[in-house]
């Protein structure tokens, strides 16, 4: 069975590159918290059409999640990987999911 690929690169290469840019323990904690906050905020937006106060909650979660991640990169001393390639936004989510399962 062929392993998943993204832009003719094996998925493991993307994850490895992402991991190299996220070595500092503070950065890793910030991403572990920030990535789900951003994801939850985006998932909640459609419900915000039904219940408008949810827009404010989603905005706070989105802002807090990104703030955590940029703080983490300040500790890391490296810019976010998605500045090089937007697909690292997807890789980051996959890294977070793998980390929850003890994979990374």
C-alpha atoms as a PDB file:
ATOM      1  CA  UNK A   1       0.000   0.000   0.000  1.00  0.00           C
ATOM      2  CA  UNK A   2       1.425   3.374  -1.033  1.00  0.00           C
ATOM      3  CA  UNK A   3       2.005   5.902   1.740  1.00  0.00           C
ATOM      4  CA  UNK A   4       0.202   9.272   1.558  1.00  0.00           C
ATOM      5  CA  UNK A   5       1.959  12.034  -0.359  1.00  0.00           C
ATOM      6  CA  UNK A   6       1.593  15.778  -0.580  1.00  0.00           C
ATOM      7  CA  UNK A   7       3.120  17.643  -3.515  1.00  0.00           C
ATOM      8  CA  UNK A   8       5.081  14.530  -4.527  1.00  0.00           C
ATOM      9  CA  UNK A   9       6.666  14.306  -1.066  1.00  0.00           C
ATOM     10  CA  UNK A  10       5.935  11.520   1.377  1.00  0.00           C
ATOM     11  CA  UNK A  11       3.801  12.675   4.284  1.00  0.00           C
ATOM     12  CA  UNK A  12       6.545  11.603   6.722  1.00  0.00           C
ATOM     13  CA  UNK A  13       8.924  14.124   5.096  1.00  0.00           C
ATOM     14  CA  UNK A  14       6.459  16.946   5.740  1.00  0.00           C
ATOM     15  CA  UNK A  15       6.021  15.872   9.377  1.00  0.00           C
ATOM     16  CA  UNK A  16       9.802  15.546   9.846  1.00  0.00           C
ATOM     17  CA  UNK A  17      10.390  19.055   8.479  1.00  0.00           C
ATOM     18  CA  UNK A  18       7.627  20.415  10.696  1.00  0.00           C
ATOM     19  CA  UNK A  19       9.155  18.667  13.701  1.00  0.00           C
ATOM     20  CA  UNK A  20      12.578  20.205  13.046  1.00  0.00           C
ATOM     21  CA  UNK A  21      11.044  23.686  13.198  1.00  0.00           C
ATOM     22  CA  UNK A  22       9.310  22.875  16.497  1.00  0.00           C
ATOM     23  CA  UNK A  23      12.034  21.645  18.841  1.00  0.00           C
ATOM     24  CA  UNK A  24      11.822  24.102  21.735  1.00  0.00           C
ATOM     25  CA  UNK A  25       9.653  22.721  24.559  1.00  0.00           C
ATOM     26  CA  UNK A  26       7.763  26.012  24.966  1.00  0.00           C
ATOM     27  CA  UNK A  27       7.012  26.084  21.233  1.00  0.00           C
ATOM     28  CA  UNK A  28       5.743  22.525  21.358  1.00  0.00           C
ATOM     29  CA  UNK A  29       3.427  23.286  24.295  1.00  0.00           C
ATOM     30  CA  UNK A  30       2.184  26.463  22.600  1.00  0.00           C
ATOM     31  CA  UNK A  31       1.362  24.503  19.456  1.00  0.00           C
ATOM     32  CA  UNK A  32      -0.207  21.660  21.408  1.00  0.00           C
ATOM     33  CA  UNK A  33      -2.631  24.199  22.888  1.00  0.00           C
ATOM     34  CA  UNK A  34      -2.864  26.676  20.010  1.00  0.00           C
ATOM     35  CA  UNK A  35      -3.624  24.324  17.128  1.00  0.00           C
ATOM     36  CA  UNK A  36      -6.834  22.912  18.670  1.00  0.00           C
ATOM     37  CA  UNK A  37      -7.988  26.412  19.649  1.00  0.00           C
ATOM     38  CA  UNK A  38      -7.690  27.610  16.048  1.00  0.00           C
ATOM     39  CA  UNK A  39      -9.326  24.432  14.759  1.00  0.00           C
ATOM     40  CA  UNK A  40     -12.241  24.696  17.209  1.00  0.00           C
ATOM     41  CA  UNK A  41     -12.750  28.337  16.270  1.00  0.00           C
ATOM     42  CA  UNK A  42     -12.990  27.450  12.580  1.00  0.00           C
ATOM     43  CA  UNK A  43     -15.342  24.549  13.240  1.00  0.00           C
ATOM     44  CA  UNK A  44     -17.591  26.778  15.331  1.00  0.00           C
ATOM     45  CA  UNK A  45     -18.023  29.494  12.718  1.00  0.00           C
ATOM     46  CA  UNK A  46     -20.910  27.795  10.863  1.00  0.00           C
ATOM     47  CA  UNK A  47     -22.811  27.450  14.150  1.00  0.00           C
ATOM     48  CA  UNK A  48     -22.217  31.147  14.682  1.00  0.00           C
ATOM     49  CA  UNK A  49     -24.664  31.760  11.872  1.00  0.00           C
ATOM     50  CA  UNK A  50     -27.351  30.300  14.135  1.00  0.00           C
ATOM     51  CA  UNK A  51     -26.159  31.786  17.418  1.00  0.00           C
ATOM     52  CA  UNK A  52     -24.337  35.072  16.987  1.00  0.00           C
ATOM     53  CA  UNK A  53     -22.524  35.149  20.386  1.00  0.00           C
ATOM     54  CA  UNK A  54     -20.560  32.149  19.128  1.00  0.00           C
ATOM     55  CA  UNK A  55     -18.798  34.463  16.652  1.00  0.00           C
ATOM     56  CA  UNK A  56     -17.194  36.300  19.568  1.00  0.00           C
ATOM     57  CA  UNK A  57     -16.174  33.037  21.233  1.00  0.00           C
ATOM     58  CA  UNK A  58     -14.708  31.755  17.965  1.00  0.00           C
ATOM     59  CA  UNK A  59     -12.833  35.023  17.482  1.00  0.00           C
ATOM     60  CA  UNK A  60     -11.312  34.793  20.952  1.00  0.00           C
ATOM     61  CA  UNK A  61     -10.314  31.144  20.422  1.00  0.00           C
ATOM     62  CA  UNK A  62      -8.827  31.926  17.000  1.00  0.00           C
ATOM     63  CA  UNK A  63      -6.827  34.879  18.312  1.00  0.00           C
ATOM     64  CA  UNK A  64      -5.623  33.034  21.406  1.00  0.00           C
ATOM     65  CA  UNK A  65      -4.596  30.000  19.362  1.00  0.00           C
ATOM     66  CA  UNK A  66      -2.530  32.013  16.906  1.00  0.00           C
ATOM     67  CA  UNK A  67      -1.045  34.140  19.658  1.00  0.00           C
ATOM     68  CA  UNK A  68       0.153  30.997  21.438  1.00  0.00           C
ATOM     69  CA  UNK A  69       1.732  29.680  18.272  1.00  0.00           C
ATOM     70  CA  UNK A  70       3.548  32.922  17.494  1.00  0.00           C
ATOM     71  CA  UNK A  71       4.774  33.111  21.094  1.00  0.00           C
ATOM     72  CA  UNK A  72       6.104  29.584  20.650  1.00  0.00           C
ATOM     73  CA  UNK A  73       7.960  30.595  17.509  1.00  0.00           C
ATOM     74  CA  UNK A  74       9.491  33.533  19.376  1.00  0.00           C
ATOM     75  CA  UNK A  75      10.990  30.982  21.782  1.00  0.00           C
ATOM     76  CA  UNK A  76      12.014  28.769  18.863  1.00  0.00           C
ATOM     77  CA  UNK A  77      13.671  31.656  17.048  1.00  0.00           C
ATOM     78  CA  UNK A  78      12.265  30.488  13.706  1.00  0.00           C
ATOM     79  CA  UNK A  79       9.336  31.696  11.618  1.00  0.00           C
ATOM     80  CA  UNK A  80       6.309  29.429  11.195  1.00  0.00           C
ATOM     81  CA  UNK A  81       6.697  26.815   8.468  1.00  0.00           C
ATOM     82  CA  UNK A  82       3.525  27.957   6.718  1.00  0.00           C
ATOM     83  CA  UNK A  83       5.354  31.176   5.785  1.00  0.00           C
ATOM     84  CA  UNK A  84       7.297  28.927   3.350  1.00  0.00           C
ATOM     85  CA  UNK A  85       4.351  26.801   2.236  1.00  0.00           C
ATOM     86  CA  UNK A  86       0.690  27.103   3.273  1.00  0.00           C
ATOM     87  CA  UNK A  87       0.353  23.309   3.316  1.00  0.00           C
ATOM     88  CA  UNK A  88       2.203  23.285   6.619  1.00  0.00           C
ATOM     89  CA  UNK A  89      -1.093  24.460   8.140  1.00  0.00           C
ATOM     90  CA  UNK A  90      -2.437  20.982   7.338  1.00  0.00           C
ATOM     91  CA  UNK A  91       0.792  19.333   8.438  1.00  0.00           C
ATOM     92  CA  UNK A  92       0.575  21.133  11.784  1.00  0.00           C
ATOM     93  CA  UNK A  93      -2.910  19.794  12.387  1.00  0.00           C
ATOM     94  CA  UNK A  94      -1.716  16.297  11.516  1.00  0.00           C
ATOM     95  CA  UNK A  95       1.280  16.714  13.848  1.00  0.00           C
ATOM     96  CA  UNK A  96      -1.066  17.754  16.674  1.00  0.00           C
ATOM     97  CA  UNK A  97      -3.330  14.753  16.073  1.00  0.00           C
ATOM     98  CA  UNK A  98      -0.322  12.423  15.994  1.00  0.00           C
ATOM     99  CA  UNK A  99       1.038  13.962  19.182  1.00  0.00           C
ATOM    100  CA  UNK A 100      -2.267  13.277  20.952  1.00  0.00           C
ATOM    101  CA  UNK A 101      -1.955   9.643  19.938  1.00  0.00           C
ATOM    102  CA  UNK A 102       1.652   9.478  21.187  1.00  0.00           C
ATOM    103  CA  UNK A 103       3.088   9.243  17.688  1.00  0.00           C
ATOM    104  CA  UNK A 104       5.350  12.340  17.852  1.00  0.00           C
END
